[in-house]
């Protein structure tokens, strides 16, 4: 609700400040456009590959090291290891235990970071195309569609930006239909 009030207040100030100038306002769902980009489908497979080739081996290594150190500290030959070394290994085991216990959250954060890194150039490409279309069509301001509760189809720049990027729109995103039906393939933001 607070976000809505800020948007309404900003829009009110914007309209009041530009009353004398000719203003053309458009909007687009940036996330939907990114979801329609062919490169976005590749991001999902790259993130999955990152999980299997990078994160899973890291988890397996951490677990094996924890078990190896546990055998040094608690195994039958543990008394052969000096007390100072055992104390240091116990500290390392605590760190490993924390990582293993919180692995789900750690892995999820790493995946989100990787996904954001891979999506950044796609978002830049889409934003650049939006700027180009807005300039070509004379739009003074372009808002993200999610900022509006009601907006006419005529000012939705999604079809024009898709055309600029050579992206074919599926039928459910054609003008006159609800373009919110498409979710980004990367599941981002």
N, C-alpha and C. Protein backbone atom coordinates (compact mmCIF):
# COMPACT_ATOMS: atom_id res chain seq x y z
N UNK A 1 0.83 -1.18 0.00
CA UNK A 1 0.00 0.00 0.00
C UNK A 1 0.88 1.24 0.00
N UNK A 2 1.97 1.21 0.76
CA UNK A 2 2.87 2.36 0.82
C UNK A 2 3.48 2.62 -0.55
N UNK A 3 3.84 1.55 -1.26
CA UNK A 3 4.42 1.67 -2.59
C UNK A 3 3.42 2.32 -3.54
N UNK A 4 2.16 1.93 -3.44
CA UNK A 4 1.11 2.49 -4.29
C UNK A 4 0.96 3.99 -4.03
N UNK A 5 0.97 4.39 -2.75
CA UNK A 5 0.85 5.80 -2.41
C UNK A 5 2.01 6.60 -2.98
N UNK A 6 3.22 6.04 -2.93
CA UNK A 6 4.39 6.73 -3.47
C UNK A 6 4.25 6.89 -4.98
N UNK A 7 3.81 5.83 -5.67
CA UNK A 7 3.63 5.89 -7.12
C UNK A 7 2.58 6.92 -7.47
N UNK A 8 1.45 6.93 -6.76
CA UNK A 8 0.37 7.88 -7.02
C UNK A 8 0.86 9.31 -6.77
N UNK A 9 1.57 9.51 -5.68
CA UNK A 9 2.09 10.85 -5.37
C UNK A 9 3.09 11.30 -6.43
N UNK A 10 3.98 10.42 -6.84
CA UNK A 10 4.97 10.75 -7.87
C UNK A 10 4.29 11.06 -9.19
N UNK A 11 3.29 10.27 -9.53
CA UNK A 11 2.55 10.50 -10.77
C UNK A 11 1.81 11.83 -10.72
N UNK A 12 1.25 12.17 -9.57
CA UNK A 12 0.56 13.46 -9.40
C UNK A 12 1.53 14.62 -9.58
N UNK A 13 2.69 14.54 -8.97
CA UNK A 13 3.70 15.59 -9.12
C UNK A 13 4.17 15.68 -10.57
N UNK A 14 4.34 14.53 -11.18
CA UNK A 14 4.78 14.46 -12.56
C UNK A 14 3.78 15.14 -13.49
N UNK A 15 2.50 14.84 -13.33
CA UNK A 15 1.44 15.41 -14.17
C UNK A 15 1.34 16.91 -13.93
N UNK A 16 1.41 17.33 -12.67
CA UNK A 16 1.32 18.76 -12.35
C UNK A 16 2.50 19.53 -12.95
N UNK A 17 3.68 18.94 -12.93
CA UNK A 17 4.88 19.60 -13.44
C UNK A 17 4.93 19.68 -14.95
N UNK A 18 4.20 18.82 -15.63
CA UNK A 18 4.28 18.79 -17.09
C UNK A 18 2.96 19.18 -17.74
N UNK A 19 2.12 19.91 -17.03
CA UNK A 19 0.80 20.27 -17.54
C UNK A 19 0.87 21.06 -18.83
N UNK A 20 1.86 21.93 -18.98
CA UNK A 20 1.96 22.76 -20.16
C UNK A 20 2.64 22.06 -21.33
N UNK A 21 3.44 21.07 -21.07
CA UNK A 21 4.17 20.37 -22.12
C UNK A 21 3.37 19.20 -22.64
N UNK A 22 3.63 18.84 -23.90
CA UNK A 22 2.95 17.67 -24.46
C UNK A 22 3.69 16.43 -23.97
N UNK A 23 2.96 15.58 -23.27
CA UNK A 23 3.55 14.41 -22.64
C UNK A 23 2.88 13.16 -23.20
N UNK A 24 3.69 12.19 -23.53
CA UNK A 24 3.17 10.90 -23.98
C UNK A 24 3.74 9.85 -23.04
N UNK A 25 2.82 9.10 -22.40
CA UNK A 25 3.23 8.13 -21.39
C UNK A 25 2.97 6.73 -21.92
N UNK A 26 3.95 5.88 -21.76
CA UNK A 26 3.81 4.47 -22.14
C UNK A 26 4.23 3.59 -20.98
N UNK A 27 4.02 2.32 -21.15
CA UNK A 27 4.41 1.37 -20.11
C UNK A 27 4.76 0.04 -20.75
N UNK A 28 5.46 -0.77 -20.00
CA UNK A 28 5.83 -2.12 -20.46
C UNK A 28 6.14 -2.95 -19.23
N UNK A 29 5.89 -4.23 -19.31
CA UNK A 29 6.31 -5.15 -18.27
C UNK A 29 7.71 -5.65 -18.66
N UNK A 30 8.71 -5.08 -18.03
CA UNK A 30 10.10 -5.41 -18.35
C UNK A 30 10.35 -6.90 -18.11
N UNK A 31 9.85 -7.42 -16.98
CA UNK A 31 10.06 -8.83 -16.67
C UNK A 31 9.43 -9.74 -17.72
N UNK A 32 8.24 -9.38 -18.20
CA UNK A 32 7.61 -10.19 -19.24
C UNK A 32 8.43 -10.17 -20.52
N UNK A 33 8.96 -9.01 -20.88
CA UNK A 33 9.76 -8.92 -22.10
C UNK A 33 11.03 -9.74 -21.95
N UNK A 34 11.66 -9.68 -20.80
CA UNK A 34 12.86 -10.48 -20.56
C UNK A 34 12.51 -11.97 -20.65
N UNK A 35 11.34 -12.34 -20.11
CA UNK A 35 10.91 -13.73 -20.15
C UNK A 35 10.66 -14.23 -21.56
N UNK A 36 10.37 -13.35 -22.48
CA UNK A 36 10.12 -13.73 -23.87
C UNK A 36 11.40 -13.82 -24.70
N UNK A 37 12.48 -13.31 -24.17
CA UNK A 37 13.74 -13.32 -24.91
C UNK A 37 14.27 -14.75 -25.02
N UNK A 38 14.75 -15.15 -26.20
CA UNK A 38 15.28 -16.51 -26.36
C UNK A 38 16.46 -16.80 -25.44
N UNK A 39 17.25 -15.78 -25.14
CA UNK A 39 18.41 -15.97 -24.27
C UNK A 39 18.01 -16.38 -22.86
N UNK A 40 16.82 -15.98 -22.43
CA UNK A 40 16.37 -16.26 -21.07
C UNK A 40 16.20 -17.76 -20.85
N UNK A 41 15.75 -18.47 -21.86
CA UNK A 41 15.61 -19.93 -21.73
C UNK A 41 16.96 -20.58 -21.48
N UNK A 42 18.00 -20.04 -22.07
CA UNK A 42 19.34 -20.58 -21.87
C UNK A 42 19.83 -20.36 -20.44
N UNK A 43 19.37 -19.27 -19.82
CA UNK A 43 19.79 -18.96 -18.45
C UNK A 43 19.38 -20.07 -17.50
N UNK A 44 18.16 -20.60 -17.66
CA UNK A 44 17.70 -21.68 -16.78
C UNK A 44 18.63 -22.88 -16.85
N UNK A 45 19.02 -23.27 -18.07
CA UNK A 45 19.90 -24.44 -18.19
C UNK A 45 21.30 -24.12 -17.65
N UNK A 46 21.75 -22.88 -17.83
CA UNK A 46 23.06 -22.51 -17.30
C UNK A 46 23.06 -22.50 -15.77
N UNK A 47 21.96 -22.06 -15.17
CA UNK A 47 21.85 -22.06 -13.71
C UNK A 47 21.82 -23.50 -13.19
N UNK A 48 21.10 -24.37 -13.87
CA UNK A 48 21.05 -25.78 -13.47
C UNK A 48 22.44 -26.41 -13.58
N UNK A 49 23.15 -26.09 -14.64
CA UNK A 49 24.51 -26.59 -14.82
C UNK A 49 25.43 -26.07 -13.71
N UNK A 50 25.25 -24.82 -13.34
CA UNK A 50 26.02 -24.23 -12.24
C UNK A 50 25.77 -25.01 -10.95
N UNK A 51 24.51 -25.36 -10.72
CA UNK A 51 24.17 -26.12 -9.52
C UNK A 51 24.87 -27.48 -9.51
N UNK A 52 24.77 -28.20 -10.62
CA UNK A 52 25.33 -29.55 -10.65
C UNK A 52 26.85 -29.57 -10.76
N UNK A 53 27.43 -28.61 -11.49
CA UNK A 53 28.87 -28.64 -11.71
C UNK A 53 29.68 -27.86 -10.68
N UNK A 54 29.03 -26.96 -9.97
CA UNK A 54 29.78 -26.12 -9.04
C UNK A 54 29.30 -26.27 -7.60
N UNK A 55 28.00 -26.10 -7.39
CA UNK A 55 27.48 -26.12 -6.02
C UNK A 55 27.47 -27.52 -5.41
N UNK A 56 26.98 -28.49 -6.16
CA UNK A 56 26.89 -29.85 -5.62
C UNK A 56 28.26 -30.42 -5.27
N UNK A 57 29.28 -30.27 -6.12
CA UNK A 57 30.61 -30.73 -5.73
C UNK A 57 31.15 -30.03 -4.48
N UNK A 58 30.82 -28.74 -4.35
CA UNK A 58 31.26 -28.00 -3.15
C UNK A 58 30.62 -28.59 -1.90
N UNK A 59 29.34 -28.91 -1.97
CA UNK A 59 28.65 -29.53 -0.84
C UNK A 59 29.29 -30.89 -0.52
N UNK A 60 29.50 -31.69 -1.56
CA UNK A 60 30.09 -33.02 -1.36
C UNK A 60 31.48 -32.93 -0.73
N UNK A 61 32.28 -31.96 -1.19
CA UNK A 61 33.61 -31.77 -0.64
C UNK A 61 33.54 -31.35 0.83
N UNK A 62 32.67 -30.41 1.14
CA UNK A 62 32.54 -29.94 2.52
C UNK A 62 32.11 -31.08 3.43
N UNK A 63 31.18 -31.90 2.97
CA UNK A 63 30.73 -33.05 3.76
C UNK A 63 31.86 -34.06 3.96
N UNK A 64 32.59 -34.37 2.91
CA UNK A 64 33.68 -35.35 3.04
C UNK A 64 34.78 -34.83 3.97
N UNK A 65 35.09 -33.52 3.88
CA UNK A 65 36.09 -32.94 4.76
C UNK A 65 35.62 -32.96 6.22
N UNK A 66 34.35 -32.69 6.43
CA UNK A 66 33.79 -32.74 7.79
C UNK A 66 33.95 -34.16 8.35
N UNK A 67 33.59 -35.15 7.57
CA UNK A 67 33.69 -36.54 8.03
C UNK A 67 35.14 -36.96 8.25
N UNK A 68 36.05 -36.51 7.38
CA UNK A 68 37.48 -36.82 7.54
C UNK A 68 38.01 -36.22 8.83
N UNK A 69 37.66 -34.96 9.08
CA UNK A 69 38.13 -34.29 10.29
C UNK A 69 37.50 -34.91 11.54
N UNK A 70 36.25 -35.33 11.41
CA UNK A 70 35.58 -35.99 12.53
C UNK A 70 36.32 -37.27 12.90
N UNK A 71 36.79 -38.01 11.92
CA UNK A 71 37.52 -39.25 12.22
C UNK A 71 38.87 -38.95 12.88
N UNK A 72 39.47 -37.81 12.54
CA UNK A 72 40.74 -37.42 13.17
C UNK A 72 40.51 -37.07 14.64
N UNK A 73 39.43 -36.32 14.91
CA UNK A 73 39.16 -35.83 16.26
C UNK A 73 38.52 -36.90 17.13
N UNK A 74 37.61 -37.69 16.57
CA UNK A 74 36.85 -38.64 17.38
C UNK A 74 37.16 -40.10 17.09
N UNK A 75 38.07 -40.36 16.17
CA UNK A 75 38.40 -41.73 15.81
C UNK A 75 39.24 -42.43 16.86
N UNK A 76 39.53 -43.69 16.60
CA UNK A 76 40.28 -44.49 17.59
C UNK A 76 41.71 -44.00 17.76
N UNK A 77 42.27 -43.32 16.75
CA UNK A 77 43.64 -42.81 16.85
C UNK A 77 43.69 -41.33 17.20
N UNK A 78 42.61 -40.80 17.72
CA UNK A 78 42.53 -39.36 17.98
C UNK A 78 43.55 -38.89 19.02
N UNK A 79 43.92 -39.76 19.94
CA UNK A 79 44.88 -39.35 20.97
C UNK A 79 46.28 -39.17 20.41
N UNK A 80 46.54 -39.71 19.24
CA UNK A 80 47.85 -39.53 18.61
C UNK A 80 48.00 -38.12 18.05
N UNK A 81 46.86 -37.44 17.85
CA UNK A 81 46.88 -36.07 17.32
C UNK A 81 47.03 -35.12 18.50
N UNK A 82 47.96 -34.17 18.40
CA UNK A 82 48.16 -33.22 19.50
C UNK A 82 46.86 -32.46 19.83
N UNK A 83 46.69 -32.08 21.07
CA UNK A 83 45.49 -31.40 21.55
C UNK A 83 45.25 -30.08 20.81
N UNK A 84 46.29 -29.32 20.54
CA UNK A 84 46.14 -28.04 19.84
C UNK A 84 45.62 -28.26 18.42
N UNK A 85 46.09 -29.30 17.77
CA UNK A 85 45.64 -29.61 16.41
C UNK A 85 44.18 -30.05 16.45
N UNK A 86 43.83 -30.89 17.43
CA UNK A 86 42.43 -31.32 17.56
C UNK A 86 41.51 -30.13 17.81
N UNK A 87 41.95 -29.16 18.61
CA UNK A 87 41.15 -27.96 18.88
C UNK A 87 40.93 -27.15 17.60
N UNK A 88 42.00 -27.03 16.81
CA UNK A 88 41.88 -26.29 15.54
C UNK A 88 40.93 -27.03 14.59
N UNK A 89 41.03 -28.34 14.52
CA UNK A 89 40.17 -29.14 13.65
C UNK A 89 38.72 -29.03 14.11
N UNK A 90 38.48 -29.03 15.42
CA UNK A 90 37.11 -28.87 15.93
C UNK A 90 36.51 -27.53 15.49
N UNK A 91 37.33 -26.47 15.52
CA UNK A 91 36.87 -25.16 15.07
C UNK A 91 36.51 -25.22 13.58
N UNK A 92 37.35 -25.85 12.79
CA UNK A 92 37.07 -26.00 11.36
C UNK A 92 35.80 -26.82 11.14
N UNK A 93 35.60 -27.82 11.98
CA UNK A 93 34.40 -28.66 11.88
C UNK A 93 33.15 -27.85 12.19
N UNK A 94 33.24 -26.94 13.16
CA UNK A 94 32.09 -26.08 13.48
C UNK A 94 31.70 -25.23 12.27
N UNK A 95 32.71 -24.69 11.60
CA UNK A 95 32.44 -23.88 10.40
C UNK A 95 31.80 -24.74 9.31
N UNK A 96 32.33 -25.94 9.12
CA UNK A 96 31.78 -26.85 8.12
C UNK A 96 30.37 -27.28 8.49
N UNK A 97 30.14 -27.54 9.77
CA UNK A 97 28.81 -27.95 10.23
C UNK A 97 27.80 -26.84 9.98
N UNK A 98 28.20 -25.60 10.23
CA UNK A 98 27.31 -24.46 9.97
C UNK A 98 26.96 -24.41 8.49
N UNK A 99 27.97 -24.55 7.63
CA UNK A 99 27.73 -24.50 6.19
C UNK A 99 26.82 -25.64 5.75
N UNK A 100 27.04 -26.83 6.27
CA UNK A 100 26.21 -27.98 5.90
C UNK A 100 24.77 -27.82 6.39
N UNK A 101 24.60 -27.30 7.60
CA UNK A 101 23.26 -27.11 8.15
C UNK A 101 22.49 -26.03 7.38
N UNK A 102 23.20 -25.05 6.88
CA UNK A 102 22.56 -23.94 6.18
C UNK A 102 22.75 -24.02 4.67
N UNK A 103 23.06 -25.21 4.20
CA UNK A 103 23.38 -25.38 2.79
C UNK A 103 22.26 -24.92 1.87
N UNK A 104 21.03 -25.23 2.22
CA UNK A 104 19.90 -24.86 1.35
C UNK A 104 19.87 -23.35 1.11
N UNK A 105 20.00 -22.58 2.16
CA UNK A 105 19.98 -21.12 2.03
C UNK A 105 21.22 -20.61 1.29
N UNK A 106 22.36 -21.18 1.59
CA UNK A 106 23.61 -20.78 0.93
C UNK A 106 23.52 -21.07 -0.57
N UNK A 107 23.05 -22.26 -0.92
CA UNK A 107 22.93 -22.65 -2.33
C UNK A 107 21.91 -21.78 -3.05
N UNK A 108 20.78 -21.50 -2.39
CA UNK A 108 19.75 -20.67 -3.01
C UNK A 108 20.28 -19.27 -3.30
N UNK A 109 21.02 -18.70 -2.36
CA UNK A 109 21.60 -17.37 -2.56
C UNK A 109 22.60 -17.40 -3.71
N UNK A 110 23.42 -18.43 -3.77
CA UNK A 110 24.41 -18.55 -4.85
C UNK A 110 23.71 -18.68 -6.21
N UNK A 111 22.62 -19.45 -6.25
CA UNK A 111 21.86 -19.62 -7.50
C UNK A 111 21.23 -18.30 -7.93
N UNK A 112 20.63 -17.58 -6.98
CA UNK A 112 20.04 -16.28 -7.31
C UNK A 112 21.09 -15.30 -7.82
N UNK A 113 22.26 -15.29 -7.19
CA UNK A 113 23.34 -14.41 -7.64
C UNK A 113 23.77 -14.76 -9.07
N UNK A 114 23.91 -16.05 -9.33
CA UNK A 114 24.31 -16.51 -10.66
C UNK A 114 23.24 -16.14 -11.70
N UNK A 115 21.98 -16.36 -11.33
CA UNK A 115 20.88 -16.04 -12.24
C UNK A 115 20.86 -14.54 -12.55
N UNK A 116 21.02 -13.71 -11.53
CA UNK A 116 21.05 -12.25 -11.74
C UNK A 116 22.22 -11.85 -12.63
N UNK A 117 23.36 -12.49 -12.42
CA UNK A 117 24.55 -12.21 -13.24
C UNK A 117 24.28 -12.56 -14.71
N UNK A 118 23.63 -13.70 -14.94
CA UNK A 118 23.35 -14.13 -16.30
C UNK A 118 22.23 -13.32 -16.96
N UNK A 119 21.28 -12.84 -16.16
CA UNK A 119 20.16 -12.07 -16.71
C UNK A 119 20.50 -10.60 -16.94
N UNK A 120 21.52 -10.10 -16.29
CA UNK A 120 21.86 -8.67 -16.38
C UNK A 120 22.04 -8.20 -17.83
N UNK A 121 22.78 -8.91 -18.69
CA UNK A 121 22.90 -8.42 -20.07
C UNK A 121 21.59 -8.47 -20.84
N UNK A 122 20.71 -9.40 -20.50
CA UNK A 122 19.41 -9.49 -21.17
C UNK A 122 18.55 -8.30 -20.76
N UNK A 123 18.54 -7.97 -19.46
CA UNK A 123 17.80 -6.81 -18.99
C UNK A 123 18.34 -5.53 -19.65
N UNK A 124 19.65 -5.43 -19.78
CA UNK A 124 20.24 -4.25 -20.41
C UNK A 124 19.78 -4.15 -21.86
N UNK A 125 19.77 -5.26 -22.56
CA UNK A 125 19.33 -5.28 -23.96
C UNK A 125 17.87 -4.83 -24.07
N UNK A 126 17.03 -5.33 -23.17
CA UNK A 126 15.61 -4.96 -23.18
C UNK A 126 15.45 -3.47 -22.86
N UNK A 127 16.13 -2.98 -21.84
CA UNK A 127 16.02 -1.57 -21.46
C UNK A 127 16.51 -0.67 -22.60
N UNK A 128 17.60 -1.07 -23.25
CA UNK A 128 18.07 -0.29 -24.40
C UNK A 128 17.03 -0.25 -25.51
N UNK A 129 16.38 -1.38 -25.77
CA UNK A 129 15.33 -1.43 -26.80
C UNK A 129 14.14 -0.57 -26.39
N UNK A 130 13.79 -0.59 -25.12
CA UNK A 130 12.68 0.25 -24.62
C UNK A 130 13.01 1.72 -24.86
N UNK A 131 14.23 2.11 -24.55
CA UNK A 131 14.63 3.51 -24.76
C UNK A 131 14.55 3.88 -26.24
N UNK A 132 14.99 2.99 -27.10
CA UNK A 132 14.95 3.24 -28.54
C UNK A 132 13.51 3.39 -29.03
N UNK A 133 12.64 2.45 -28.62
CA UNK A 133 11.24 2.50 -29.03
C UNK A 133 10.57 3.76 -28.49
N UNK A 134 10.84 4.10 -27.25
CA UNK A 134 10.24 5.30 -26.65
C UNK A 134 10.66 6.55 -27.42
N UNK A 135 11.92 6.60 -27.80
CA UNK A 135 12.41 7.75 -28.57
C UNK A 135 11.75 7.78 -29.95
N UNK A 136 11.72 6.64 -30.63
CA UNK A 136 11.15 6.56 -31.98
C UNK A 136 9.66 6.92 -32.00
N UNK A 137 8.93 6.52 -30.95
CA UNK A 137 7.48 6.73 -30.92
C UNK A 137 7.07 7.97 -30.15
N UNK A 138 8.05 8.72 -29.67
CA UNK A 138 7.76 10.00 -29.02
C UNK A 138 7.23 9.90 -27.60
N UNK A 139 7.56 8.83 -26.88
CA UNK A 139 7.13 8.72 -25.48
C UNK A 139 8.07 9.52 -24.61
N UNK A 140 7.49 10.36 -23.77
CA UNK A 140 8.26 11.17 -22.85
C UNK A 140 8.67 10.34 -21.64
N UNK A 141 7.73 9.50 -21.17
CA UNK A 141 7.98 8.66 -20.00
C UNK A 141 7.48 7.26 -20.28
N UNK A 142 8.24 6.27 -19.80
CA UNK A 142 7.81 4.87 -19.88
C UNK A 142 7.95 4.29 -18.48
N UNK A 143 6.83 3.75 -18.00
CA UNK A 143 6.80 3.14 -16.67
C UNK A 143 6.77 1.63 -16.78
N UNK A 144 7.17 0.98 -15.70
CA UNK A 144 7.01 -0.46 -15.62
C UNK A 144 5.53 -0.73 -15.38
N UNK A 145 4.94 -1.62 -16.13
CA UNK A 145 3.49 -1.87 -16.09
C UNK A 145 3.00 -2.21 -14.69
N UNK A 146 3.80 -2.88 -13.91
CA UNK A 146 3.37 -3.29 -12.57
C UNK A 146 3.11 -2.09 -11.65
N UNK A 147 3.53 -0.89 -12.07
CA UNK A 147 3.27 0.31 -11.26
C UNK A 147 1.84 0.82 -11.44
N UNK A 148 1.13 0.32 -12.46
CA UNK A 148 -0.22 0.79 -12.75
C UNK A 148 -1.27 -0.24 -12.34
N UNK A 149 -2.37 0.24 -11.83
CA UNK A 149 -3.51 -0.62 -11.56
C UNK A 149 -4.36 -0.77 -12.82
N UNK A 150 -4.46 0.30 -13.59
CA UNK A 150 -5.23 0.31 -14.83
C UNK A 150 -4.38 1.03 -15.88
N UNK A 151 -4.32 0.44 -17.07
CA UNK A 151 -3.59 1.08 -18.16
C UNK A 151 -4.19 0.62 -19.48
N UNK A 152 -4.30 1.54 -20.45
CA UNK A 152 -4.86 1.15 -21.75
C UNK A 152 -3.86 0.33 -22.56
N UNK A 153 -4.38 -0.59 -23.37
CA UNK A 153 -3.51 -1.42 -24.21
C UNK A 153 -2.72 -0.59 -25.22
N UNK A 154 -3.27 0.52 -25.66
CA UNK A 154 -2.64 1.33 -26.69
C UNK A 154 -1.25 1.84 -26.28
N UNK A 155 -1.01 2.04 -25.02
CA UNK A 155 0.27 2.56 -24.57
C UNK A 155 1.23 1.48 -24.09
N UNK A 156 0.86 0.21 -24.26
CA UNK A 156 1.74 -0.90 -23.87
C UNK A 156 2.81 -1.05 -24.95
N UNK A 157 4.05 -0.84 -24.59
CA UNK A 157 5.16 -0.89 -25.54
C UNK A 157 5.70 -2.30 -25.78
N UNK A 158 5.16 -3.30 -25.08
CA UNK A 158 5.66 -4.67 -25.22
C UNK A 158 5.69 -5.13 -26.67
N UNK A 159 4.61 -4.97 -27.44
CA UNK A 159 4.65 -5.42 -28.83
C UNK A 159 5.72 -4.70 -29.66
N UNK A 160 5.87 -3.41 -29.45
CA UNK A 160 6.87 -2.64 -30.21
C UNK A 160 8.29 -3.03 -29.83
N UNK A 161 8.52 -3.23 -28.54
CA UNK A 161 9.86 -3.63 -28.08
C UNK A 161 10.17 -5.05 -28.55
N UNK A 162 9.18 -5.93 -28.50
CA UNK A 162 9.39 -7.30 -29.00
C UNK A 162 9.76 -7.26 -30.48
N UNK A 163 9.08 -6.42 -31.23
CA UNK A 163 9.38 -6.29 -32.66
C UNK A 163 10.81 -5.76 -32.84
N UNK A 164 11.19 -4.77 -32.06
CA UNK A 164 12.54 -4.19 -32.15
C UNK A 164 13.60 -5.24 -31.86
N UNK A 165 13.30 -6.17 -30.95
CA UNK A 165 14.24 -7.21 -30.56
C UNK A 165 14.08 -8.49 -31.39
N UNK A 166 13.18 -8.45 -32.37
CA UNK A 166 12.90 -9.62 -33.22
C UNK A 166 12.45 -10.83 -32.40
N UNK A 167 11.57 -10.57 -31.44
CA UNK A 167 11.01 -11.62 -30.59
C UNK A 167 9.55 -11.80 -30.97
N UNK A 168 9.17 -13.03 -31.28
CA UNK A 168 7.78 -13.31 -31.64
C UNK A 168 6.96 -13.42 -30.36
N UNK A 169 5.84 -12.69 -30.35
CA UNK A 169 4.96 -12.71 -29.17
C UNK A 169 4.01 -13.90 -29.25
N UNK A 170 3.86 -14.63 -28.15
CA UNK A 170 2.85 -15.69 -28.12
C UNK A 170 1.45 -15.05 -28.14
N UNK A 171 0.43 -15.79 -28.56
CA UNK A 171 -0.92 -15.22 -28.68
C UNK A 171 -1.44 -14.56 -27.41
N UNK A 172 -1.14 -15.10 -26.24
CA UNK A 172 -1.68 -14.55 -25.00
C UNK A 172 -1.05 -13.20 -24.64
N UNK A 173 -0.05 -12.74 -25.38
CA UNK A 173 0.59 -11.47 -25.08
C UNK A 173 0.30 -10.43 -26.16
N UNK A 174 -0.48 -10.78 -27.14
CA UNK A 174 -0.82 -9.83 -28.21
C UNK A 174 -1.61 -8.67 -27.62
N UNK A 175 -1.56 -7.50 -28.26
CA UNK A 175 -2.32 -6.34 -27.76
C UNK A 175 -3.79 -6.67 -27.58
N UNK A 176 -4.36 -6.13 -26.51
CA UNK A 176 -5.77 -6.36 -26.22
C UNK A 176 -5.97 -7.52 -25.26
N UNK A 177 -4.92 -8.31 -25.03
CA UNK A 177 -5.01 -9.41 -24.07
C UNK A 177 -4.13 -9.07 -22.88
N UNK A 178 -4.31 -9.77 -21.81
CA UNK A 178 -3.56 -9.52 -20.59
C UNK A 178 -2.12 -10.00 -20.77
N UNK A 179 -1.18 -9.08 -20.87
CA UNK A 179 0.22 -9.48 -21.04
C UNK A 179 0.85 -9.95 -19.74
N UNK A 180 0.09 -9.96 -18.65
CA UNK A 180 0.60 -10.50 -17.39
C UNK A 180 0.57 -12.02 -17.40
N UNK A 181 -0.02 -12.62 -18.43
CA UNK A 181 -0.13 -14.08 -18.48
C UNK A 181 1.21 -14.75 -18.64
N UNK A 182 2.20 -14.05 -19.13
CA UNK A 182 3.52 -14.62 -19.34
C UNK A 182 4.38 -14.32 -18.12
N UNK A 183 5.06 -15.32 -17.63
CA UNK A 183 6.00 -15.12 -16.55
C UNK A 183 7.40 -15.28 -17.12
N UNK A 184 8.37 -14.56 -16.58
CA UNK A 184 9.73 -14.68 -17.08
C UNK A 184 10.22 -16.11 -16.97
N UNK A 185 10.90 -16.59 -18.01
CA UNK A 185 11.41 -17.96 -18.00
C UNK A 185 12.42 -18.17 -16.91
N UNK A 186 13.19 -17.12 -16.56
CA UNK A 186 14.18 -17.23 -15.51
C UNK A 186 13.57 -17.19 -14.13
N UNK A 187 12.32 -16.86 -14.00
CA UNK A 187 11.65 -16.80 -12.71
C UNK A 187 12.18 -15.67 -11.86
N UNK A 188 12.84 -14.69 -12.44
CA UNK A 188 13.50 -13.64 -11.72
C UNK A 188 12.58 -12.51 -11.38
N UNK A 189 12.83 -11.93 -10.20
CA UNK A 189 12.22 -10.70 -9.73
C UNK A 189 10.76 -10.76 -9.89
